[in-house]
Amino acid sequence: MEFLNQFSIPVIVGICLCVGYILKNVVTTDKVNKFIPLIMGVLGLGLNMWINLGVSPEIILGGLVSGLASTGLYEAFRQFIKK
């Protein structure tokens, strides 16, 4: 899993993290919450394709890894916001 760190794009992680946090706190039903990782993966992919103005395997992987990494950082971000 360490090799995936090179594909993480901080700007995309940050955007996805904020959007995921908003989704989690605005839409409180479990029907939406279970799809947040999917939404973040698609959002990360779309953002990376937009930033790079193209599609390649590296762009796809970078977008997906960044979007999904934001779901893993949610708990740390939530604690940061509370303090």
C-alpha atoms as a PDB file:
ATOM      1  CA  MET A   1       0.000   0.000   0.000  1.00  0.00           C
ATOM      2  CA  GLU A   2       2.940   2.372   0.503  1.00  0.00           C
ATOM      3  CA  PHE A   3       3.497   2.682  -3.248  1.00  0.00           C
ATOM      4  CA  LEU A   4       0.036   4.261  -3.568  1.00  0.00           C
ATOM      5  CA  ASN A   5       1.218   7.270  -1.532  1.00  0.00           C
ATOM      6  CA  GLN A   6       3.055   8.582  -4.584  1.00  0.00           C
ATOM      7  CA  PHE A   7      -0.290   8.910  -6.367  1.00  0.00           C
ATOM      8  CA  SER A   8      -1.961  10.948  -3.623  1.00  0.00           C
ATOM      9  CA  ILE A   9      -2.597  14.565  -4.612  1.00  0.00           C
ATOM     10  CA  PRO A  10      -2.981  16.849  -1.565  1.00  0.00           C
ATOM     11  CA  VAL A  11      -5.320  19.363  -3.222  1.00  0.00           C
ATOM     12  CA  ILE A  12      -7.723  16.624  -4.270  1.00  0.00           C
ATOM     13  CA  VAL A  13      -7.530  14.948  -0.868  1.00  0.00           C
ATOM     14  CA  GLY A  14      -8.371  18.270   0.784  1.00  0.00           C
ATOM     15  CA  ILE A  15     -11.312  19.034  -1.488  1.00  0.00           C
ATOM     16  CA  CYS A  16     -12.739  15.531  -1.145  1.00  0.00           C
ATOM     17  CA  LEU A  17     -12.239  15.617   2.608  1.00  0.00           C
ATOM     18  CA  CYS A  18     -14.204  18.848   2.924  1.00  0.00           C
ATOM     19  CA  VAL A  19     -16.996  17.690   0.607  1.00  0.00           C
ATOM     20  CA  GLY A  20     -17.216  14.352   2.435  1.00  0.00           C
ATOM     21  CA  TYR A  21     -17.361  16.119   5.788  1.00  0.00           C
ATOM     22  CA  ILE A  22     -20.186  18.321   4.563  1.00  0.00           C
ATOM     23  CA  LEU A  23     -22.087  15.347   3.156  1.00  0.00           C
ATOM     24  CA  LYS A  24     -21.668  13.395   6.376  1.00  0.00           C
ATOM     25  CA  ASN A  25     -22.958  16.264   8.502  1.00  0.00           C
ATOM     26  CA  VAL A  26     -25.703  17.633   6.252  1.00  0.00           C
ATOM     27  CA  VAL A  27     -27.214  14.371   5.027  1.00  0.00           C
ATOM     28  CA  THR A  28     -27.493  12.255   8.149  1.00  0.00           C
ATOM     29  CA  THR A  29     -29.228   9.191   6.697  1.00  0.00           C
ATOM     30  CA  ASP A  30     -27.338   5.929   6.383  1.00  0.00           C
ATOM     31  CA  LYS A  31     -28.568   5.603   2.800  1.00  0.00           C
ATOM     32  CA  VAL A  32     -26.191   8.371   1.705  1.00  0.00           C
ATOM     33  CA  ASN A  33     -23.410   7.740   4.241  1.00  0.00           C
ATOM     34  CA  LYS A  34     -22.654   4.294   2.873  1.00  0.00           C
ATOM     35  CA  PHE A  35     -22.013   5.819  -0.566  1.00  0.00           C
ATOM     36  CA  ILE A  36     -19.598   8.522   0.606  1.00  0.00           C
ATOM     37  CA  PRO A  37     -16.465   6.499  -0.352  1.00  0.00           C
ATOM     38  CA  LEU A  38     -17.912   5.968  -3.838  1.00  0.00           C
ATOM     39  CA  ILE A  39     -18.799   9.648  -4.154  1.00  0.00           C
ATOM     40  CA  MET A  40     -15.313  10.697  -3.008  1.00  0.00           C
ATOM     41  CA  GLY A  41     -13.640   8.275  -5.432  1.00  0.00           C
ATOM     42  CA  VAL A  42     -15.666   9.636  -8.355  1.00  0.00           C
ATOM     43  CA  LEU A  43     -15.116  13.243  -7.233  1.00  0.00           C
ATOM     44  CA  GLY A  44     -11.354  12.649  -6.899  1.00  0.00           C
ATOM     45  CA  LEU A  45     -11.253  11.069 -10.339  1.00  0.00           C
ATOM     46  CA  GLY A  46     -13.200  13.945 -11.890  1.00  0.00           C
ATOM     47  CA  LEU A  47     -11.030  16.571 -10.214  1.00  0.00           C
ATOM     48  CA  ASN A  48      -7.796  14.906 -11.322  1.00  0.00           C
ATOM     49  CA  MET A  49      -9.037  14.576 -14.907  1.00  0.00           C
ATOM     50  CA  TRP A  50     -10.034  18.275 -14.852  1.00  0.00           C
ATOM     51  CA  ILE A  51      -6.718  19.406 -13.343  1.00  0.00           C
ATOM     52  CA  ASN A  52      -4.673  17.403 -15.851  1.00  0.00           C
ATOM     53  CA  LEU A  53      -7.012  17.960 -18.817  1.00  0.00           C
ATOM     54  CA  GLY A  54      -6.815  14.341 -19.856  1.00  0.00           C
ATOM     55  CA  VAL A  55      -7.130  10.701 -18.970  1.00  0.00           C
ATOM     56  CA  SER A  56      -4.384   8.169 -18.390  1.00  0.00           C
ATOM     57  CA  PRO A  57      -3.962   5.251 -15.984  1.00  0.00           C
ATOM     58  CA  GLU A  58      -1.881   7.464 -13.670  1.00  0.00           C
ATOM     59  CA  ILE A  59      -4.539  10.178 -13.657  1.00  0.00           C
ATOM     60  CA  ILE A  60      -7.272   7.641 -12.911  1.00  0.00           C
ATOM     61  CA  LEU A  61      -5.262   6.048 -10.099  1.00  0.00           C
ATOM     62  CA  GLY A  62      -4.236   9.408  -8.635  1.00  0.00           C
ATOM     63  CA  GLY A  63      -7.813  10.638  -8.553  1.00  0.00           C
ATOM     64  CA  LEU A  64      -9.224   7.477  -7.030  1.00  0.00           C
ATOM     65  CA  VAL A  65      -6.461   7.147  -4.417  1.00  0.00           C
ATOM     66  CA  SER A  66      -6.811  10.802  -3.431  1.00  0.00           C
ATOM     67  CA  GLY A  67     -10.590  10.617  -3.145  1.00  0.00           C
ATOM     68  CA  LEU A  68     -10.548   7.423  -1.127  1.00  0.00           C
ATOM     69  CA  ALA A  69      -7.698   8.659   1.080  1.00  0.00           C
ATOM     70  CA  SER A  70      -9.956  11.506   2.144  1.00  0.00           C
ATOM     71  CA  THR A  71     -12.410   9.028   3.645  1.00  0.00           C
ATOM     72  CA  GLY A  72      -9.604   7.601   5.757  1.00  0.00           C
ATOM     73  CA  LEU A  73      -8.641  11.053   6.998  1.00  0.00           C
ATOM     74  CA  TYR A  74     -12.211  11.901   8.017  1.00  0.00           C
ATOM     75  CA  GLU A  75     -11.779  11.004  11.697  1.00  0.00           C
ATOM     76  CA  ALA A  76      -8.623  13.093  12.095  1.00  0.00           C
ATOM     77  CA  PHE A  77     -10.316  16.010  10.324  1.00  0.00           C
ATOM     78  CA  ARG A  78     -13.384  15.701  12.542  1.00  0.00           C
ATOM     79  CA  GLN A  79     -11.216  15.850  15.670  1.00  0.00           C
ATOM     80  CA  PHE A  80      -9.349  18.859  14.261  1.00  0.00           C
ATOM     81  CA  ILE A  81     -12.626  20.734  13.624  1.00  0.00           C
ATOM     82  CA  LYS A  82     -13.914  19.996  17.148  1.00  0.00           C
ATOM     83  CA  LYS A  83     -10.793  21.469  18.825  1.00  0.00           C
END
